[in-house]
Amino acid sequence: MIDKTDLQILLALQEDGRMSNKEIAARVELAPSATSERLKKLKERGVIRKIEARLNTDVLEHGLVAFIHVRTDELPGVGDAGIELARIPEAQEVFNVAGEDCYLVKVRTKNTESLSVVLRDKIGAIESVTSTRTTIVMQSFKETCAIPLEDCTVKENRRQSGNGQSA
């Protein structure tokens, strides 16, 4: 079970993923050793999957964001299009969606020319793709991976061993 202290630790990490164990411990009023143990358990339980840096895409000249709606001729739940879409380096997020489209893909590229290459040479090269519809973002008001934790409950995530059995 996740408690109030675990939630405070998670909030701190969402605020700054590079926050030191000592800083987190001071914030949640625990000893650094106890905080370290809690972090270890949160990682083992799959609550914390990964900590990543958020880069300044404008400085790195990858400021164009587009959402691509992808249709395929695959049967629902059958096929590899989602896996193939996820392998595209410019794809930041790939979702299997309900409705007219099969997938929604968030891509980030340098400009419209590089977006065209992604559409034509990468997404268009996937055999089961029948059509795409692209929306280009003009301005972003919020981009985050943070989730609201105020009313959070945690479903236990049992790790899978190499043979597909629960650990």
N, C-alpha and C. Protein backbone atom coordinates (compact mmCIF):
# COMPACT_ATOMS: atom_id res chain seq x y z
N MET A 1 0.84 -1.18 0.00
CA MET A 1 0.00 0.00 0.00
C MET A 1 0.88 1.24 0.00
N ILE A 2 0.38 2.28 -0.62
CA ILE A 2 1.12 3.53 -0.68
C ILE A 2 0.56 4.48 0.39
N ASP A 3 1.45 5.13 1.11
CA ASP A 3 0.99 6.02 2.18
C ASP A 3 1.31 7.47 1.84
N LYS A 4 0.98 8.35 2.78
CA LYS A 4 1.16 9.79 2.58
C LYS A 4 2.63 10.14 2.34
N THR A 5 3.54 9.49 3.04
CA THR A 5 4.96 9.77 2.87
C THR A 5 5.44 9.36 1.48
N ASP A 6 4.99 8.19 1.00
CA ASP A 6 5.33 7.77 -0.36
C ASP A 6 4.83 8.80 -1.38
N LEU A 7 3.60 9.29 -1.18
CA LEU A 7 3.05 10.30 -2.09
C LEU A 7 3.88 11.57 -2.07
N GLN A 8 4.35 11.97 -0.89
CA GLN A 8 5.21 13.16 -0.80
C GLN A 8 6.53 12.94 -1.54
N ILE A 9 7.07 11.75 -1.45
CA ILE A 9 8.30 11.42 -2.18
C ILE A 9 8.05 11.50 -3.69
N LEU A 10 6.93 10.93 -4.14
CA LEU A 10 6.60 10.94 -5.56
C LEU A 10 6.36 12.37 -6.06
N LEU A 11 5.70 13.19 -5.26
CA LEU A 11 5.49 14.59 -5.64
C LEU A 11 6.83 15.31 -5.80
N ALA A 12 7.75 15.06 -4.88
CA ALA A 12 9.07 15.69 -4.95
C ALA A 12 9.80 15.28 -6.23
N LEU A 13 9.74 14.00 -6.56
CA LEU A 13 10.41 13.51 -7.76
C LEU A 13 9.77 14.06 -9.03
N GLN A 14 8.44 14.20 -9.02
CA GLN A 14 7.79 14.78 -10.20
C GLN A 14 8.19 16.24 -10.38
N GLU A 15 8.44 16.92 -9.28
CA GLU A 15 8.86 18.31 -9.32
C GLU A 15 10.29 18.43 -9.85
N ASP A 16 11.15 17.54 -9.38
CA ASP A 16 12.57 17.57 -9.79
C ASP A 16 13.14 16.16 -9.68
N GLY A 17 13.24 15.48 -10.79
CA GLY A 17 13.73 14.11 -10.82
C GLY A 17 15.18 13.95 -10.37
N ARG A 18 15.92 15.05 -10.33
CA ARG A 18 17.32 15.00 -9.89
C ARG A 18 17.47 15.36 -8.42
N MET A 19 16.37 15.55 -7.74
CA MET A 19 16.44 15.89 -6.31
C MET A 19 17.19 14.78 -5.58
N SER A 20 18.13 15.18 -4.76
CA SER A 20 18.94 14.19 -4.04
C SER A 20 18.11 13.49 -2.96
N ASN A 21 18.57 12.32 -2.58
CA ASN A 21 17.92 11.58 -1.51
C ASN A 21 17.88 12.42 -0.23
N LYS A 22 18.94 13.14 0.03
CA LYS A 22 19.02 13.98 1.22
C LYS A 22 17.96 15.09 1.17
N GLU A 23 17.77 15.71 0.01
CA GLU A 23 16.76 16.76 -0.14
C GLU A 23 15.34 16.19 0.03
N ILE A 24 15.12 15.03 -0.56
CA ILE A 24 13.80 14.40 -0.42
C ILE A 24 13.55 14.06 1.04
N ALA A 25 14.55 13.49 1.71
CA ALA A 25 14.42 13.12 3.11
C ALA A 25 14.05 14.33 3.98
N ALA A 26 14.70 15.46 3.72
CA ALA A 26 14.40 16.68 4.48
C ALA A 26 12.96 17.13 4.21
N ARG A 27 12.53 17.03 2.97
CA ARG A 27 11.18 17.47 2.61
C ARG A 27 10.11 16.61 3.28
N VAL A 28 10.34 15.30 3.33
CA VAL A 28 9.32 14.40 3.89
C VAL A 28 9.57 14.08 5.36
N GLU A 29 10.61 14.68 5.91
CA GLU A 29 10.95 14.55 7.33
C GLU A 29 11.22 13.11 7.73
N LEU A 30 12.10 12.48 6.94
CA LEU A 30 12.58 11.12 7.24
C LEU A 30 14.10 11.13 7.22
N ALA A 31 14.69 10.11 7.78
CA ALA A 31 16.13 9.93 7.68
C ALA A 31 16.46 9.55 6.22
N PRO A 32 17.61 9.98 5.72
CA PRO A 32 17.98 9.63 4.35
C PRO A 32 17.96 8.12 4.10
N SER A 33 18.35 7.32 5.08
CA SER A 33 18.35 5.86 4.89
C SER A 33 16.91 5.33 4.71
N ALA A 34 15.97 5.86 5.46
CA ALA A 34 14.57 5.45 5.34
C ALA A 34 13.99 5.90 4.00
N THR A 35 14.38 7.09 3.57
CA THR A 35 13.92 7.61 2.28
C THR A 35 14.47 6.75 1.16
N SER A 36 15.73 6.42 1.24
CA SER A 36 16.37 5.56 0.23
C SER A 36 15.66 4.21 0.13
N GLU A 37 15.31 3.64 1.27
CA GLU A 37 14.61 2.36 1.29
C GLU A 37 13.23 2.48 0.65
N ARG A 38 12.53 3.56 0.94
CA ARG A 38 11.21 3.77 0.33
C ARG A 38 11.33 3.93 -1.19
N LEU A 39 12.33 4.68 -1.64
CA LEU A 39 12.55 4.85 -3.08
C LEU A 39 12.83 3.51 -3.75
N LYS A 40 13.66 2.70 -3.10
CA LYS A 40 13.98 1.38 -3.63
C LYS A 40 12.71 0.53 -3.78
N LYS A 41 11.86 0.56 -2.76
CA LYS A 41 10.62 -0.23 -2.81
C LYS A 41 9.65 0.31 -3.86
N LEU A 42 9.59 1.63 -4.02
CA LEU A 42 8.71 2.20 -5.04
C LEU A 42 9.18 1.78 -6.44
N LYS A 43 10.48 1.69 -6.64
CA LYS A 43 11.02 1.22 -7.92
C LYS A 43 10.75 -0.26 -8.12
N GLU A 44 10.98 -1.05 -7.09
CA GLU A 44 10.75 -2.50 -7.18
C GLU A 44 9.29 -2.82 -7.47
N ARG A 45 8.38 -2.05 -6.91
CA ARG A 45 6.95 -2.28 -7.11
C ARG A 45 6.45 -1.73 -8.43
N GLY A 46 7.31 -1.05 -9.18
CA GLY A 46 6.93 -0.51 -10.47
C GLY A 46 6.19 0.80 -10.40
N VAL A 47 6.14 1.43 -9.22
CA VAL A 47 5.49 2.73 -9.09
C VAL A 47 6.34 3.79 -9.82
N ILE A 48 7.64 3.73 -9.62
CA ILE A 48 8.57 4.59 -10.36
C ILE A 48 9.17 3.73 -11.46
N ARG A 49 8.83 4.08 -12.70
CA ARG A 49 9.33 3.29 -13.83
C ARG A 49 10.67 3.81 -14.33
N LYS A 50 10.79 5.14 -14.42
CA LYS A 50 11.98 5.72 -15.02
C LYS A 50 12.03 7.19 -14.68
N ILE A 51 13.22 7.73 -14.55
CA ILE A 51 13.39 9.17 -14.35
C ILE A 51 14.17 9.69 -15.55
N GLU A 52 13.58 10.68 -16.22
CA GLU A 52 14.17 11.21 -17.45
C GLU A 52 14.36 12.71 -17.35
N ALA A 53 15.28 13.23 -18.16
CA ALA A 53 15.45 14.67 -18.27
C ALA A 53 14.49 15.21 -19.32
N ARG A 54 13.89 16.36 -19.06
CA ARG A 54 13.05 17.03 -20.06
C ARG A 54 13.92 18.10 -20.71
N LEU A 55 14.20 17.91 -21.98
CA LEU A 55 15.11 18.79 -22.71
C LEU A 55 14.36 19.97 -23.32
N ASN A 56 15.08 21.06 -23.54
CA ASN A 56 14.50 22.23 -24.18
C ASN A 56 14.49 22.00 -25.68
N THR A 57 13.34 21.66 -26.21
CA THR A 57 13.22 21.30 -27.62
C THR A 57 13.48 22.47 -28.56
N ASP A 58 13.20 23.69 -28.12
CA ASP A 58 13.48 24.85 -28.96
C ASP A 58 14.98 25.06 -29.12
N VAL A 59 15.73 24.94 -28.03
CA VAL A 59 17.18 25.10 -28.08
C VAL A 59 17.79 24.01 -28.98
N LEU A 60 17.22 22.81 -28.92
CA LEU A 60 17.73 21.69 -29.70
C LEU A 60 17.09 21.61 -31.09
N GLU A 61 16.32 22.64 -31.45
CA GLU A 61 15.69 22.75 -32.76
C GLU A 61 14.83 21.54 -33.12
N HIS A 62 14.03 21.12 -32.17
CA HIS A 62 13.03 20.07 -32.41
C HIS A 62 11.70 20.54 -31.82
N GLY A 63 11.30 21.75 -32.19
CA GLY A 63 10.14 22.38 -31.60
C GLY A 63 8.82 22.07 -32.28
N LEU A 64 8.83 21.39 -33.43
CA LEU A 64 7.56 21.10 -34.10
C LEU A 64 6.93 19.85 -33.51
N VAL A 65 5.72 20.01 -33.00
CA VAL A 65 4.96 18.90 -32.43
C VAL A 65 3.78 18.63 -33.34
N ALA A 66 3.54 17.36 -33.61
CA ALA A 66 2.37 16.98 -34.41
C ALA A 66 1.73 15.75 -33.79
N PHE A 67 0.43 15.69 -33.90
CA PHE A 67 -0.32 14.50 -33.50
C PHE A 67 -0.81 13.85 -34.79
N ILE A 68 -0.44 12.59 -34.95
CA ILE A 68 -0.78 11.87 -36.18
C ILE A 68 -1.78 10.77 -35.84
N HIS A 69 -2.95 10.86 -36.46
CA HIS A 69 -3.98 9.84 -36.31
C HIS A 69 -3.70 8.80 -37.40
N VAL A 70 -3.53 7.57 -37.00
CA VAL A 70 -3.13 6.51 -37.94
C VAL A 70 -4.22 5.46 -38.01
N ARG A 71 -4.59 5.10 -39.23
CA ARG A 71 -5.52 3.99 -39.46
C ARG A 71 -4.75 2.84 -40.08
N THR A 72 -5.11 1.64 -39.65
CA THR A 72 -4.49 0.44 -40.22
C THR A 72 -5.59 -0.52 -40.65
N ASP A 73 -5.16 -1.56 -41.37
CA ASP A 73 -6.12 -2.60 -41.75
C ASP A 73 -6.03 -3.80 -40.82
N GLU A 74 -5.38 -3.62 -39.67
CA GLU A 74 -5.27 -4.71 -38.69
C GLU A 74 -6.58 -4.91 -37.96
N LEU A 75 -6.82 -6.13 -37.54
CA LEU A 75 -7.95 -6.40 -36.66
C LEU A 75 -7.61 -5.86 -35.28
N PRO A 76 -8.61 -5.39 -34.52
CA PRO A 76 -8.33 -4.87 -33.17
C PRO A 76 -7.55 -5.87 -32.32
N GLY A 77 -6.45 -5.39 -31.74
CA GLY A 77 -5.65 -6.24 -30.86
C GLY A 77 -4.73 -7.21 -31.59
N VAL A 78 -4.73 -7.16 -32.91
CA VAL A 78 -3.91 -8.08 -33.70
C VAL A 78 -3.01 -7.25 -34.61
N GLY A 79 -1.73 -7.58 -34.66
CA GLY A 79 -0.82 -6.88 -35.55
C GLY A 79 0.27 -6.16 -34.80
N ASP A 80 1.22 -5.66 -35.57
CA ASP A 80 2.42 -5.06 -35.00
C ASP A 80 2.56 -3.57 -35.29
N ALA A 81 1.54 -2.93 -35.83
CA ALA A 81 1.66 -1.52 -36.19
C ALA A 81 2.04 -0.65 -34.99
N GLY A 82 1.43 -0.88 -33.84
CA GLY A 82 1.77 -0.10 -32.65
C GLY A 82 3.22 -0.24 -32.26
N ILE A 83 3.72 -1.45 -32.33
CA ILE A 83 5.13 -1.71 -32.01
C ILE A 83 6.03 -1.01 -33.02
N GLU A 84 5.67 -1.10 -34.29
CA GLU A 84 6.46 -0.44 -35.34
C GLU A 84 6.42 1.07 -35.20
N LEU A 85 5.26 1.63 -34.87
CA LEU A 85 5.16 3.07 -34.66
C LEU A 85 6.04 3.51 -33.48
N ALA A 86 6.05 2.70 -32.43
CA ALA A 86 6.84 3.03 -31.24
C ALA A 86 8.34 3.01 -31.52
N ARG A 87 8.77 2.32 -32.54
CA ARG A 87 10.20 2.25 -32.90
C ARG A 87 10.69 3.50 -33.63
N ILE A 88 9.77 4.34 -34.08
CA ILE A 88 10.15 5.56 -34.79
C ILE A 88 10.75 6.54 -33.79
N PRO A 89 12.00 6.95 -33.99
CA PRO A 89 12.66 7.81 -33.00
C PRO A 89 11.92 9.12 -32.72
N GLU A 90 11.28 9.70 -33.69
CA GLU A 90 10.57 10.96 -33.51
C GLU A 90 9.26 10.79 -32.75
N ALA A 91 8.77 9.57 -32.62
CA ALA A 91 7.52 9.31 -31.90
C ALA A 91 7.79 9.37 -30.41
N GLN A 92 7.15 10.31 -29.74
CA GLN A 92 7.31 10.43 -28.30
C GLN A 92 6.29 9.62 -27.54
N GLU A 93 5.10 9.49 -28.12
CA GLU A 93 4.04 8.73 -27.47
C GLU A 93 3.22 8.04 -28.56
N VAL A 94 2.82 6.79 -28.30
CA VAL A 94 2.00 6.04 -29.24
C VAL A 94 0.87 5.40 -28.45
N PHE A 95 -0.35 5.69 -28.86
CA PHE A 95 -1.54 5.18 -28.17
C PHE A 95 -2.40 4.39 -29.13
N ASN A 96 -2.89 3.24 -28.71
CA ASN A 96 -3.93 2.51 -29.42
C ASN A 96 -5.24 3.13 -28.94
N VAL A 97 -6.06 3.64 -29.87
CA VAL A 97 -7.24 4.40 -29.48
C VAL A 97 -8.52 3.79 -30.03
N ALA A 98 -9.62 4.11 -29.39
CA ALA A 98 -10.94 3.71 -29.87
C ALA A 98 -11.45 4.80 -30.80
N GLY A 99 -12.32 4.42 -31.71
CA GLY A 99 -12.90 5.39 -32.63
C GLY A 99 -12.50 5.06 -34.06
N GLU A 100 -12.55 6.05 -34.91
CA GLU A 100 -12.26 5.84 -36.33
C GLU A 100 -10.80 5.47 -36.58
N ASP A 101 -9.91 6.05 -35.80
CA ASP A 101 -8.48 5.78 -35.98
C ASP A 101 -8.05 4.63 -35.09
N CYS A 102 -6.91 4.06 -35.42
CA CYS A 102 -6.37 2.94 -34.63
C CYS A 102 -5.32 3.41 -33.63
N TYR A 103 -4.53 4.40 -34.04
CA TYR A 103 -3.43 4.88 -33.20
C TYR A 103 -3.38 6.40 -33.23
N LEU A 104 -2.91 6.97 -32.12
CA LEU A 104 -2.60 8.38 -32.04
C LEU A 104 -1.13 8.47 -31.66
N VAL A 105 -0.36 9.17 -32.49
CA VAL A 105 1.08 9.24 -32.30
C VAL A 105 1.49 10.71 -32.13
N LYS A 106 2.20 11.00 -31.04
CA LYS A 106 2.76 12.33 -30.84
C LYS A 106 4.19 12.28 -31.34
N VAL A 107 4.50 13.13 -32.31
CA VAL A 107 5.87 13.19 -32.83
C VAL A 107 6.44 14.58 -32.62
N ARG A 108 7.75 14.63 -32.52
CA ARG A 108 8.44 15.91 -32.40
C ARG A 108 9.58 15.89 -33.42
N THR A 109 9.57 16.92 -34.28
CA THR A 109 10.58 17.01 -35.33
C THR A 109 11.14 18.41 -35.39
N LYS A 110 12.10 18.58 -36.29
CA LYS A 110 12.76 19.86 -36.46
C LYS A 110 11.86 20.88 -37.19
N ASN A 111 11.19 20.41 -38.24
CA ASN A 111 10.38 21.30 -39.07
C ASN A 111 9.40 20.48 -39.91
N THR A 112 8.65 21.16 -40.77
CA THR A 112 7.66 20.44 -41.57
C THR A 112 8.30 19.50 -42.58
N GLU A 113 9.49 19.82 -43.05
CA GLU A 113 10.18 18.91 -43.97
C GLU A 113 10.52 17.59 -43.28
N SER A 114 11.03 17.66 -42.06
CA SER A 114 11.36 16.43 -41.34
C SER A 114 10.09 15.68 -40.93
N LEU A 115 9.00 16.42 -40.67
CA LEU A 115 7.72 15.76 -40.40
C LEU A 115 7.25 15.00 -41.63
N SER A 116 7.44 15.58 -42.79
CA SER A 116 7.07 14.92 -44.04
C SER A 116 7.83 13.61 -44.23
N VAL A 117 9.09 13.60 -43.86
CA VAL A 117 9.90 12.38 -43.96
C VAL A 117 9.36 11.31 -43.00
N VAL A 118 8.99 11.72 -41.79
CA VAL A 118 8.42 10.77 -40.84
C VAL A 118 7.13 10.18 -41.40
N LEU A 119 6.28 11.03 -41.92
CA LEU A 119 5.00 10.56 -42.47
C LEU A 119 5.19 9.63 -43.66
N ARG A 120 6.02 10.04 -44.60
CA ARG A 120 6.20 9.29 -45.84
C ARG A 120 7.08 8.05 -45.67
N ASP A 121 8.25 8.24 -45.08
CA ASP A 121 9.26 7.17 -45.08
C ASP A 121 9.22 6.26 -43.87
N LYS A 122 8.61 6.71 -42.80
CA LYS A 122 8.60 5.89 -41.59
C LYS A 122 7.20 5.33 -41.32
N ILE A 123 6.23 6.20 -41.16
CA ILE A 123 4.87 5.71 -40.91
C ILE A 123 4.31 5.09 -42.19
N GLY A 124 4.51 5.74 -43.31
CA GLY A 124 4.02 5.22 -44.59
C GLY A 124 4.64 3.90 -44.99
N ALA A 125 5.80 3.58 -44.43
CA ALA A 125 6.48 2.32 -44.76
C ALA A 125 5.90 1.14 -43.99
N ILE A 126 5.06 1.39 -43.00
CA ILE A 126 4.44 0.30 -42.23
C ILE A 126 3.32 -0.29 -43.08
N GLU A 127 3.44 -1.56 -43.39
CA GLU A 127 2.57 -2.22 -44.35
C GLU A 127 1.08 -2.09 -44.05
N SER A 128 0.70 -2.18 -42.80
CA SER A 128 -0.73 -2.18 -42.46
C SER A 128 -1.35 -0.79 -42.39
N VAL A 129 -0.56 0.27 -42.47
CA VAL A 129 -1.08 1.63 -42.39
C VAL A 129 -1.86 1.94 -43.67
N THR A 130 -3.11 2.37 -43.51
CA THR A 130 -3.94 2.70 -44.68
C THR A 130 -4.09 4.20 -44.86
N SER A 131 -4.03 4.98 -43.76
CA SER A 131 -4.12 6.43 -43.89
C SER A 131 -3.64 7.11 -42.61
N THR A 132 -3.31 8.38 -42.76
CA THR A 132 -2.93 9.22 -41.61
C THR A 132 -3.63 10.56 -41.74
N ARG A 133 -3.79 11.19 -40.61
CA ARG A 133 -4.34 12.54 -40.53
C ARG A 133 -3.51 13.26 -39.49
N THR A 134 -2.93 14.40 -39.86
CA THR A 134 -1.96 15.07 -39.00
C THR A 134 -2.46 16.42 -38.51
N THR A 135 -2.26 16.67 -37.23
CA THR A 135 -2.55 17.97 -36.62
C THR A 135 -1.23 18.54 -36.11
N ILE A 136 -0.87 19.72 -36.59
CA ILE A 136 0.37 20.36 -36.16
C ILE A 136 0.05 21.33 -35.02
N VAL A 137 0.81 21.28 -33.97
CA VAL A 137 0.63 22.14 -32.80
C VAL A 137 1.21 23.51 -33.11
N MET A 138 0.42 24.54 -32.89
CA MET A 138 0.86 25.92 -33.12
C MET A 138 1.55 26.50 -31.88
N GLN A 139 1.00 26.14 -30.70
CA GLN A 139 1.53 26.67 -29.43
C GLN A 139 1.17 25.68 -28.33
N SER A 140 2.11 25.44 -27.44
CA SER A 140 1.87 24.53 -26.32
C SER A 140 1.71 25.34 -25.03
N PHE A 141 0.65 25.05 -24.30
CA PHE A 141 0.43 25.72 -23.03
C PHE A 141 0.84 24.86 -21.84
N LYS A 142 0.88 23.55 -22.05
CA LYS A 142 1.28 22.66 -20.97
C LYS A 142 1.73 21.33 -21.57
N GLU A 143 2.90 20.88 -21.15
CA GLU A 143 3.38 19.55 -21.48
C GLU A 143 4.02 19.00 -20.22
N THR A 144 3.55 17.87 -19.77
CA THR A 144 4.07 17.29 -18.54
C THR A 144 3.86 15.79 -18.54
N CYS A 145 4.64 15.12 -17.75
CA CYS A 145 4.42 13.69 -17.49
C CYS A 145 3.87 13.51 -16.08
N ALA A 146 3.77 14.60 -15.34
CA ALA A 146 3.31 14.53 -13.95
C ALA A 146 1.84 14.11 -13.90
N ILE A 147 1.51 13.33 -12.89
CA ILE A 147 0.11 12.94 -12.68
C ILE A 147 -0.35 13.51 -11.34
N PRO A 148 -1.65 13.83 -11.22
CA PRO A 148 -2.14 14.33 -9.93
C PRO A 148 -2.15 13.18 -8.92
N LEU A 149 -1.56 13.41 -7.78
CA LEU A 149 -1.41 12.35 -6.79
C LEU A 149 -2.30 12.55 -5.56
N GLU A 150 -3.09 13.61 -5.54
CA GLU A 150 -3.89 13.93 -4.36
C GLU A 150 -4.82 12.79 -3.95
N ASP A 151 -5.48 12.16 -4.92
CA ASP A 151 -6.44 11.10 -4.60
C ASP A 151 -5.97 9.77 -5.19
N CYS A 152 -4.69 9.55 -5.15
CA CYS A 152 -4.07 8.41 -5.80
C CYS A 152 -4.21 7.12 -4.98
N THR A 153 -4.52 6.05 -5.68
CA THR A 153 -4.42 4.72 -5.10
C THR A 153 -3.50 3.93 -6.03
N VAL A 154 -2.83 2.96 -5.50
CA VAL A 154 -1.85 2.22 -6.28
C VAL A 154 -2.27 0.78 -6.45
N LYS A 155 -2.34 0.36 -7.69
CA LYS A 155 -2.61 -1.03 -8.01
C LYS A 155 -1.26 -1.75 -7.98
N GLU A 156 -1.20 -2.86 -7.29
CA GLU A 156 0.05 -3.60 -7.20
C GLU A 156 0.48 -4.06 -8.58
N ASN A 157 1.74 -3.85 -8.90
CA ASN A 157 2.31 -4.22 -10.18
C ASN A 157 3.32 -5.34 -9.95
N ARG A 158 2.90 -6.57 -10.19
CA ARG A 158 3.81 -7.69 -9.97
C ARG A 158 4.74 -7.80 -11.15
N ARG A 159 6.02 -7.82 -10.89
CA ARG A 159 7.02 -7.93 -11.96
C ARG A 159 6.93 -9.28 -12.62
N GLN A 160 7.19 -9.30 -13.94
CA GLN A 160 7.19 -10.55 -14.69
C GLN A 160 8.61 -11.08 -14.77
N SER A 161 8.77 -12.36 -14.51
CA SER A 161 10.09 -12.97 -14.69
C SER A 161 10.25 -13.28 -16.17
N GLY A 162 11.41 -13.72 -16.58
CA GLY A 162 11.72 -13.99 -17.98
C GLY A 162 10.83 -15.03 -18.63
N ASN A 163 10.21 -15.91 -17.86
CA ASN A 163 9.38 -16.96 -18.45
C ASN A 163 7.90 -16.62 -18.47
N GLY A 164 7.56 -15.34 -18.20
CA GLY A 164 6.17 -14.92 -18.24
C GLY A 164 5.41 -15.20 -16.94
N GLN A 165 6.04 -15.78 -15.97
CA GLN A 165 5.40 -16.05 -14.69
C GLN A 165 5.58 -14.85 -13.77
N SER A 166 4.60 -14.60 -12.93
CA SER A 166 4.72 -13.52 -11.97
C SER A 166 5.80 -13.85 -10.95
N ALA A 167 6.55 -12.85 -10.60
CA ALA A 167 7.63 -13.03 -9.64
C ALA A 167 7.10 -12.96 -8.22
